[in-house]
Structures are given as structure tokens and as C-alpha cells.
Protein backbone atom coordinates (compact mmCIF):
# COMPACT_ATOMS: atom_id res chain seq x y z
CA UNK A 1 0.03 0.03 0.07
CA UNK A 2 1.22 3.54 -0.78
CA UNK A 3 1.89 5.60 2.38
CA UNK A 4 -1.58 7.06 3.42
CA UNK A 5 -3.76 4.81 1.59
CA UNK A 6 -6.46 2.86 2.79
CA UNK A 7 -7.11 -0.90 2.18
CA UNK A 8 -10.51 -1.81 0.96
CA UNK A 9 -12.71 -3.44 3.57
CA UNK A 10 -14.67 -6.75 2.76
CA UNK A 11 -17.84 -7.42 4.00
CA UNK A 12 -18.46 -3.71 4.34
CA UNK A 13 -20.55 -1.76 1.31
CA UNK A 14 -18.35 -0.55 -1.36
CA UNK A 15 -20.19 2.76 -1.41
CA UNK A 16 -18.32 5.60 0.66
CA UNK A 17 -14.96 3.38 0.88
CA UNK A 18 -11.69 5.09 -0.78
CA UNK A 19 -8.99 3.01 -1.78
CA UNK A 20 -6.37 2.30 -4.31
CA UNK A 21 -7.47 -1.29 -4.07
CA UNK A 22 -10.23 -2.60 -6.33
CA UNK A 23 -13.48 -4.16 -4.39
CA UNK A 24 -13.31 -7.67 -2.93
CA UNK A 25 -16.25 -9.34 -1.16
CA UNK A 26 -14.89 -12.06 0.63
CA UNK A 27 -12.16 -13.60 2.52
CA UNK A 28 -12.65 -17.03 0.67
CA UNK A 29 -10.19 -18.29 -1.97
CA UNK A 30 -10.92 -18.86 -5.70
CA UNK A 31 -10.41 -22.34 -6.24
CA UNK A 32 -11.34 -22.48 -10.15
CA UNK A 33 -8.39 -21.39 -12.50
CA UNK A 34 -11.29 -20.49 -14.94
CA UNK A 35 -13.33 -18.26 -12.58
CA UNK A 36 -14.17 -14.81 -14.12
CA UNK A 37 -12.97 -12.98 -10.88
CA UNK A 38 -9.47 -14.64 -11.07
CA UNK A 39 -7.83 -11.21 -12.15
CA UNK A 40 -8.63 -9.06 -9.15
CA UNK A 41 -10.95 -11.23 -6.69
CA UNK A 42 -14.29 -11.47 -6.35
CA UNK A 43 -16.28 -8.44 -7.42
CA UNK A 44 -13.01 -6.57 -8.56
CA UNK A 45 -15.35 -3.50 -9.43
CA UNK A 46 -14.11 0.01 -9.22
CA UNK A 47 -15.04 1.99 -6.23
CA UNK A 48 -16.21 4.99 -8.26
CA UNK A 49 -15.87 8.14 -6.94
CA UNK A 50 -13.68 6.50 -3.90
CA UNK A 51 -11.39 4.78 -6.31
CA UNK A 52 -7.75 6.01 -6.05
CA UNK A 53 -4.72 5.40 -7.63
CA UNK A 54 -1.32 5.66 -5.97
CA UNK A 55 1.39 7.40 -8.03
CA UNK A 56 4.81 5.69 -7.70
CA UNK A 57 8.12 6.21 -9.90
CA UNK A 58 9.37 3.29 -11.93
CA UNK A 59 12.06 1.57 -9.98
CA UNK A 60 10.28 2.29 -6.48
CA UNK A 61 9.38 -0.46 -4.07
CA UNK A 62 5.71 -1.05 -3.27
CA UNK A 63 4.29 -2.94 -0.39
CA UNK A 64 1.17 -5.25 -0.12
CA UNK A 65 -0.17 -6.14 3.30
CA UNK A 66 -2.40 -9.20 3.97
CA UNK A 67 -4.37 -10.10 6.78
CA UNK A 68 -2.35 -10.24 10.02
CA UNK A 69 -1.24 -13.05 10.58
CA UNK A 70 -1.74 -14.52 7.01
CA UNK A 71 -3.17 -17.94 7.68
CA UNK A 72 -1.34 -20.14 5.16
CA UNK A 73 2.55 -20.84 4.86
CA UNK A 74 2.62 -23.17 2.20
CA UNK A 75 2.80 -21.86 -1.30
CA UNK A 76 4.20 -18.94 -3.74
CA UNK A 77 3.91 -15.36 -3.98
CA UNK A 78 3.31 -13.65 -7.36
CA UNK A 79 3.21 -10.24 -8.69
CA UNK A 80 1.65 -8.93 -11.94
CA UNK A 81 1.29 -5.63 -13.57
CA UNK A 82 -1.18 -4.75 -16.34
CA UNK A 83 -1.27 -1.68 -18.26
CA UNK A 84 -4.75 -0.08 -18.20
CA UNK A 85 -4.36 1.69 -21.57
CA UNK A 86 -5.89 4.95 -20.09
CA UNK A 87 -7.51 5.14 -16.78
CA UNK A 88 -7.67 1.87 -14.59
CA UNK A 89 -10.76 3.09 -12.93
CA UNK A 90 -12.86 2.33 -15.93
CA UNK A 91 -10.75 -0.87 -17.01
CA UNK A 92 -12.07 -4.25 -16.77
CA UNK A 93 -9.30 -6.26 -15.11
CA UNK A 94 -10.28 -9.77 -16.97
CA UNK A 95 -9.80 -8.02 -20.13
CA UNK A 96 -6.21 -6.76 -19.61
CA UNK A 97 -2.91 -8.66 -20.50
CA UNK A 98 -0.71 -9.09 -17.38
CA UNK A 99 2.93 -9.59 -17.04
CA UNK A 100 4.99 -10.84 -14.05
CA UNK A 101 7.28 -8.61 -12.17
CA UNK A 102 8.18 -10.74 -9.08
CA UNK A 103 7.53 -14.23 -7.75
CA UNK A 104 9.01 -16.62 -5.16
CA UNK A 105 8.06 -20.19 -4.17
CA UNK A 106 9.83 -22.68 -2.37
CA UNK A 107 13.04 -20.88 -0.90
CA UNK A 108 14.53 -23.96 1.07
CA UNK A 109 13.78 -27.33 1.97
CA UNK A 110 11.24 -30.09 1.03
CA UNK A 111 7.77 -29.44 -0.48
CA UNK A 112 6.29 -30.39 2.65
CA UNK A 113 8.42 -29.12 5.04
CA UNK A 114 10.38 -26.17 3.68
CA UNK A 115 10.37 -22.42 3.80
CA UNK A 116 7.81 -21.14 1.24
CA UNK A 117 7.36 -17.60 0.00
CA UNK A 118 4.12 -17.12 2.12
CA UNK A 119 5.72 -18.53 5.15
CA UNK A 120 8.45 -15.60 4.44
CA UNK A 121 5.23 -12.97 3.92
CA UNK A 122 4.10 -14.09 7.34
CA UNK A 123 7.39 -13.53 8.80
CA UNK A 124 7.52 -9.83 7.43
CA UNK A 125 4.34 -8.85 9.18
CA UNK A 126 2.10 -10.53 6.38
CA UNK A 127 3.53 -8.23 3.73
CA UNK A 128 5.44 -8.60 0.48
CA UNK A 129 7.76 -5.92 -1.23
CA UNK A 130 8.34 -5.85 -4.71
CA UNK A 131 9.95 -3.20 -7.07
CA UNK A 132 8.25 -1.68 -10.12
CA UNK A 133 10.47 -2.29 -13.08
CA UNK A 134 12.73 0.95 -13.62
CA UNK A 135 12.31 0.84 -17.39
CA UNK A 136 8.56 0.63 -17.41
CA UNK A 137 6.77 3.24 -19.38
CA UNK A 138 4.85 5.57 -17.69
CA UNK A 139 1.07 5.29 -17.47
CA UNK A 140 -1.69 3.78 -15.29
CA UNK A 141 -1.44 0.08 -14.43
CA UNK A 142 -3.13 -2.28 -12.01
CA UNK A 143 -0.57 -4.25 -9.74
CA UNK A 144 -1.83 -7.82 -8.63
CA UNK A 145 -0.56 -9.74 -5.88
CA UNK A 146 -1.39 -13.38 -5.62
CA UNK A 147 -0.78 -15.70 -3.13
CA UNK A 148 -1.30 -19.23 -4.05
CA UNK A 149 -2.08 -21.64 -1.17
CA UNK A 150 -1.23 -25.13 -1.77
CA UNK A 151 -1.56 -26.76 1.67
CA UNK A 152 -4.35 -29.13 0.44
CA UNK A 153 -3.25 -31.63 -2.31
CA UNK A 154 -4.67 -30.91 -5.83
CA UNK A 155 -6.90 -28.08 -4.39
CA UNK A 156 -5.19 -24.70 -5.08
CA UNK A 157 -6.46 -21.68 -3.43
CA UNK A 158 -5.93 -18.39 -5.37
CA UNK A 159 -6.10 -15.01 -3.27
CA UNK A 160 -5.49 -12.32 -5.82
CA UNK A 161 -5.70 -8.43 -4.93
CA UNK A 162 -5.38 -5.53 -7.35
CA UNK A 163 -4.46 -2.00 -6.77
CA UNK A 164 -4.33 0.82 -9.20
CA UNK A 165 -1.12 2.76 -9.82
CA UNK A 166 0.29 5.82 -11.83
CA UNK A 167 3.62 4.85 -12.85
CA UNK A 168 5.95 8.00 -13.38
CA UNK A 169 9.31 8.22 -14.89
CA UNK A 170 11.26 8.31 -18.11
CA UNK A 171 11.21 4.41 -19.27
CA UNK A 172 9.83 3.05 -22.42
CA UNK A 173 9.45 -0.58 -21.72
CA UNK A 174 6.29 -2.30 -22.46
CA UNK A 175 6.39 -6.07 -21.95
CA UNK A 176 4.40 -8.08 -24.91
CA UNK A 177 4.23 -11.34 -26.67
CA UNK A 178 4.88 -14.28 -24.61
CA UNK A 179 5.39 -12.20 -21.44
CA UNK A 180 1.59 -11.38 -21.33
CA UNK A 181 -0.91 -13.60 -19.69
CA UNK A 182 -4.79 -13.28 -19.09
CA UNK A 183 -6.63 -14.07 -15.94
CA UNK A 184 -8.44 -16.36 -16.30
CA UNK A 185 -6.42 -18.33 -18.73
CA UNK A 186 -2.94 -18.13 -17.26
CA UNK A 187 -3.49 -21.43 -15.41
CA UNK A 188 -4.64 -24.76 -16.14
CA UNK A 189 -5.41 -27.72 -13.95
């Protein structure tokens, strides 16, 4: 979260909330990789007049905070961005093309007993810090933090959350082609 921004509060009416986060209506995971809300979680609607964007320079660090303490220590953390090609407030997350800027999975040890990125997230006050690519072209972007909990065999639990950013700087990079994925569409089971 950018300094001074408020998090969206699930289970409260979206009307009147002010946040850089997109709406999410439940703490429950998404369990189907073809779910239409996989991009930014269940409802992922704009907050209308309460929807804000955080201005961040390319190359700066951004930290996402999860419920503290986060309840799952087994699984990777992934961070994606998508160019909104205009105002993010009017963009539909599932129609955008996303590119990965950060990820971590099994850090050490074995699958069952090792140190996973989500365990590291818990150790860091249920937060994950990533760097916005320094060469990224300026514009309005979504940033998508995803926790993929894999503590139950063959039953992945997707926890995506999105926020709106206005990236500044003099970069010109814009990922394309094989670097881009859609949500849903990036995962298959």
C-alpha cells in the first residue's frame, strides 16, 4: 500500500470506501483457475468516486499487506502488472494483459517441510515488497499480488488482490508477446 492509503474492507458496502485497492467481497479463496474473478478477486469493481490510484516512480518499492497474520504458509507469492491503456478506474481487469514482475516459491527445504514465500510473507508482518521495473513506461497500471496456497493436495487456493497505480518516469519498456497472460487463462488444471 502506498503511504497514507487505506485498504478496501471486505464485507462492508463498497459505497463510501476510498482505496487504491479494487473491491473484493470475501476472504474465501478462488479455487477454479477459470473463474471470471481470477484477475483481481470477487467482484473487482471500481469504487467509483472512492477509487484512487497511488502515484509511484518506476524503480520504486511497493508493499502489499495481507490479513495479519496470514493463515497459510505453504505456497508461492506472485506479482503481476497490467497496463490499463488509459484510466484504470474504467478498466475491466479480466480483459487486460498481465506481465509478471516478481515471484518466489519454495525458498529452501522440501515441498512439505520447506520455507515457502508465503511463510516469508508471514514473517514480514504479512507483507510482500516488490520493485516496480525501472524501465517501465509511465502510465496507469494495475498491480496484482497473488498468494497461491497449496497446503491441500490438488486443491489450489488463489488469493489475488489488485490496486491501481500511476507509474511515473522516463522508461519506455512495455512487455509484449509471450510475457503477457490473461486472468483467467494463465492457469490450467
